[in-house]
Amino acid sequence: MANPLGSFSSSSSMLLSLSLVLLLITFSFSLRPSLASLDRFKAAADEIQDVCRYTQDPNYCVTALKSHPQSPQADLPGLAKIAVDLAYKMAQDANLYALAIVRNGTSPGLQRRYLLCSDLLLDAREDIKEARDDLKSNDYIDVSSAALEATEEAQGCQDEFEIPPPEPSQLPQMITKLVTLSSAIFFIAGRLISNT
């Protein structure tokens, strides 16, 4: 006759082993990104590619947006916030750069160019700040308008560098980045409008 205690101990041992295996499998899946998060990352990357292709410098746009630590988890409003934050910082940095050139002395003609750009960059920064506030209240139409105004102001500064003499400073590249980021905000806002 079989030992009833022996059968109990082998079945409980098997149950314990299965429980441990199940626990290990569950734990290992919790360490890997879920398929949903991988899909969300792919969706964010696809959105970035799609939005950036309409900007002045698509490569810079993709690199700037993808390199932000929050972009893999960002939905479309999150992506707009990232673009707004990057554009605001670029407008601020470009303005400070233009003012530094003025302070360091330059010819009167160039000084006029930099002062005009500084004014336009301040206006662009204020428009981007408005876009940030509008984004918080989900007012995507006003986000779009503010982004368009910021883009136009940055382009006004950019146009100043089309006039001779050629510009050796980094400011034109900074302006191109600002135009790119501002127009990315505009295109993202357009998508947000069409999704509502």
Protein backbone atom coordinates (compact mmCIF):
# COMPACT_ATOMS: atom_id res chain seq x y z
CA MET A 1 0.00 0.00 0.00
CA ALA A 2 1.28 3.45 -0.94
CA ASN A 3 2.20 5.89 1.78
CA PRO A 4 -0.46 8.66 1.75
CA LEU A 5 2.03 11.06 3.30
CA GLY A 6 4.56 10.34 0.52
CA SER A 7 2.02 11.16 -2.21
CA PHE A 8 1.13 14.39 -0.38
CA SER A 9 4.75 15.43 -0.10
CA SER A 10 5.49 14.73 -3.81
CA SER A 11 2.38 16.60 -5.00
CA SER A 12 3.09 19.54 -2.66
CA SER A 13 6.70 19.51 -3.82
CA MET A 14 5.51 19.61 -7.43
CA LEU A 15 3.05 22.40 -6.60
CA LEU A 16 5.80 24.35 -4.86
CA SER A 17 8.10 23.87 -7.87
CA LEU A 18 5.41 25.03 -10.28
CA SER A 19 4.70 28.04 -8.07
CA LEU A 20 8.38 28.98 -8.05
CA VAL A 21 8.61 28.65 -11.83
CA LEU A 22 5.49 30.78 -12.24
CA LEU A 23 6.90 33.36 -9.84
CA LEU A 24 10.21 33.47 -11.76
CA ILE A 25 8.39 33.87 -15.10
CA THR A 26 6.24 36.66 -13.70
CA PHE A 27 9.29 38.40 -12.25
CA SER A 28 11.27 38.12 -15.49
CA PHE A 29 8.38 39.66 -17.47
CA SER A 30 8.18 42.53 -15.04
CA LEU A 31 11.84 43.33 -15.77
CA ARG A 32 11.28 43.54 -19.53
CA PRO A 33 9.42 46.38 -21.18
CA SER A 34 5.88 45.33 -21.93
CA LEU A 35 4.69 44.97 -25.47
CA ALA A 36 2.40 47.92 -24.85
CA SER A 37 5.33 50.13 -23.86
CA LEU A 38 7.28 48.96 -26.90
CA ASP A 39 4.28 49.78 -29.07
CA ARG A 40 4.00 53.19 -27.40
CA PHE A 41 7.71 53.83 -28.06
CA LYS A 42 7.26 52.85 -31.69
CA ALA A 43 4.17 55.07 -31.94
CA ALA A 44 6.07 58.01 -30.42
CA ALA A 45 8.98 57.42 -32.79
CA ASP A 46 6.58 57.23 -35.75
CA GLU A 47 4.86 60.45 -34.66
CA ILE A 48 8.22 62.21 -34.37
CA GLN A 49 9.26 61.08 -37.85
CA ASP A 50 5.95 62.09 -39.31
CA VAL A 51 5.84 65.56 -37.70
CA CYS A 52 9.48 66.38 -38.34
CA ARG A 53 9.40 65.70 -42.05
CA TYR A 54 7.49 68.96 -42.54
CA THR A 55 10.02 71.12 -40.68
CA GLN A 56 12.94 73.13 -42.03
CA ASP A 57 15.54 70.69 -40.64
CA PRO A 58 13.92 67.25 -40.26
CA ASN A 59 17.12 65.55 -39.05
CA TYR A 60 17.64 68.04 -36.25
CA CYS A 61 13.94 67.83 -35.33
CA VAL A 62 14.01 64.03 -35.04
CA THR A 63 17.26 64.05 -33.08
CA ALA A 64 16.11 66.78 -30.68
CA LEU A 65 12.73 65.21 -29.96
CA LYS A 66 13.97 61.62 -29.73
CA SER A 67 16.87 62.51 -27.45
CA HIS A 68 14.56 63.93 -24.80
CA PRO A 69 14.28 61.40 -21.93
CA GLN A 70 10.46 61.58 -21.88
CA SER A 71 9.90 61.05 -25.60
CA PRO A 72 9.64 57.23 -25.53
CA GLN A 73 6.64 57.43 -23.18
CA ALA A 74 5.14 60.59 -24.68
CA ASP A 75 1.72 60.73 -26.23
CA LEU A 76 0.97 63.50 -28.72
CA PRO A 77 0.32 66.20 -26.05
CA GLY A 78 3.50 65.04 -24.28
CA LEU A 79 5.43 65.36 -27.52
CA ALA A 80 4.05 68.89 -27.93
CA LYS A 81 5.25 69.76 -24.42
CA ILE A 82 8.73 68.44 -25.22
CA ALA A 83 8.86 70.51 -28.42
CA VAL A 84 7.62 73.60 -26.54
CA ASP A 85 10.26 73.21 -23.84
CA LEU A 86 13.04 72.75 -26.41
CA ALA A 87 11.87 75.70 -28.51
CA TYR A 88 11.58 77.97 -25.47
CA LYS A 89 15.14 77.15 -24.42
CA MET A 90 16.43 77.65 -27.97
CA ALA A 91 14.71 81.06 -28.24
CA GLN A 92 16.19 82.09 -24.92
CA ASP A 93 19.69 80.87 -25.81
CA ALA A 94 19.61 82.49 -29.26
CA ASN A 95 18.48 85.80 -27.77
CA LEU A 96 21.27 85.75 -25.18
CA TYR A 97 23.76 84.91 -27.93
CA ALA A 98 22.59 87.84 -30.10
CA LEU A 99 22.84 90.23 -27.15
CA ALA A 100 26.34 88.99 -26.31
CA ILE A 101 27.46 89.78 -29.87
CA VAL A 102 26.02 93.31 -29.56
CA ARG A 103 27.78 93.83 -26.23
CA ASN A 104 31.09 92.63 -27.64
CA GLY A 105 30.94 95.30 -30.30
CA THR A 106 30.18 95.05 -33.95
CA SER A 107 29.62 97.38 -36.88
CA PRO A 108 26.51 99.60 -36.67
CA GLY A 109 24.85 97.69 -39.55
CA LEU A 110 25.42 94.34 -37.91
CA GLN A 111 24.45 95.74 -34.53
CA ARG A 112 21.08 96.74 -35.98
CA ARG A 113 20.65 93.20 -37.33
CA TYR A 114 21.40 91.62 -33.95
CA LEU A 115 19.15 94.02 -32.05
CA LEU A 116 16.30 93.35 -34.46
CA CYS A 117 16.86 89.62 -34.08
CA SER A 118 16.95 89.97 -30.31
CA ASP A 119 13.54 91.69 -30.38
CA LEU A 120 12.12 89.03 -32.69
CA LEU A 121 13.55 86.25 -30.51
CA LEU A 122 12.01 87.78 -27.39
CA ASP A 123 8.66 87.88 -29.18
CA ALA A 124 9.11 84.26 -30.32
CA ARG A 125 9.94 83.21 -26.76
CA GLU A 126 6.77 84.92 -25.47
CA ASP A 127 4.71 83.16 -28.16
CA ILE A 128 6.20 79.83 -27.17
CA LYS A 129 5.37 80.60 -23.54
CA GLU A 130 1.77 81.26 -24.63
CA ALA A 131 1.80 77.94 -26.49
CA ARG A 132 2.94 76.24 -23.28
CA ASP A 133 0.06 77.81 -21.33
CA ASP A 134 -2.45 76.95 -24.07
CA LEU A 135 -1.18 73.38 -24.11
CA LYS A 136 -1.84 73.06 -20.37
CA SER A 137 -5.46 74.01 -20.97
CA ASN A 138 -5.75 71.74 -24.05
CA ASP A 139 -6.43 74.76 -26.29
CA TYR A 140 -4.73 73.30 -29.34
CA ILE A 141 -6.00 75.97 -31.74
CA ASP A 142 -4.22 78.66 -29.71
CA VAL A 143 -1.14 76.42 -29.41
CA SER A 144 -1.10 76.26 -33.20
CA SER A 145 -1.49 80.05 -33.54
CA ALA A 146 1.23 80.82 -31.00
CA ALA A 147 3.60 78.32 -32.64
CA LEU A 148 2.95 79.85 -36.06
CA GLU A 149 3.69 83.34 -34.71
CA ALA A 150 6.91 82.11 -33.07
CA THR A 151 7.94 80.47 -36.35
CA GLU A 152 7.28 83.65 -38.32
CA GLU A 153 9.24 85.78 -35.86
CA ALA A 154 12.19 83.42 -35.94
CA GLN A 155 12.01 83.40 -39.74
CA GLY A 156 12.08 87.21 -39.66
CA CYS A 157 15.40 86.99 -37.85
CA GLN A 158 16.55 84.29 -40.24
CA ASP A 159 15.76 86.58 -43.18
CA GLU A 160 18.14 89.17 -41.74
CA PHE A 161 21.02 86.76 -42.42
CA GLU A 162 20.10 86.48 -46.10
CA ILE A 163 21.35 90.05 -46.50
CA PRO A 164 25.14 90.53 -46.91
CA PRO A 165 27.56 90.49 -45.24
CA PRO A 166 27.57 86.77 -44.49
CA GLU A 167 27.22 85.83 -40.84
CA PRO A 168 30.13 83.93 -39.26
CA SER A 169 28.47 83.38 -35.85
CA GLN A 170 26.40 80.45 -34.63
CA LEU A 171 23.22 82.53 -34.53
CA PRO A 172 21.86 81.50 -37.97
CA GLN A 173 22.12 77.81 -36.99
CA MET A 174 20.38 78.54 -33.69
CA ILE A 175 17.61 80.35 -35.56
CA THR A 176 17.18 77.41 -37.95
CA LYS A 177 16.78 75.12 -34.94
CA LEU A 178 14.21 77.48 -33.42
CA VAL A 179 12.24 77.65 -36.69
CA THR A 180 12.35 73.85 -36.86
CA LEU A 181 11.14 73.34 -33.28
CA SER A 182 8.44 76.03 -33.53
CA SER A 183 7.10 74.54 -36.73
CA ALA A 184 7.13 71.09 -35.09
CA ILE A 185 4.87 72.52 -32.36
CA PHE A 186 2.60 73.89 -35.08
CA PHE A 187 2.34 70.51 -36.84
CA ILE A 188 1.80 68.60 -33.59
CA ALA A 189 -0.95 71.07 -32.61
CA GLY A 190 -2.56 70.47 -35.99
CA ARG A 191 -2.66 66.75 -35.27
CA LEU A 192 -4.07 67.39 -31.81
CA ILE A 193 -6.80 69.56 -33.35
CA SER A 194 -7.71 66.88 -35.88
CA ASN A 195 -7.81 64.22 -33.11
CA THR A 196 -10.37 66.15 -31.06
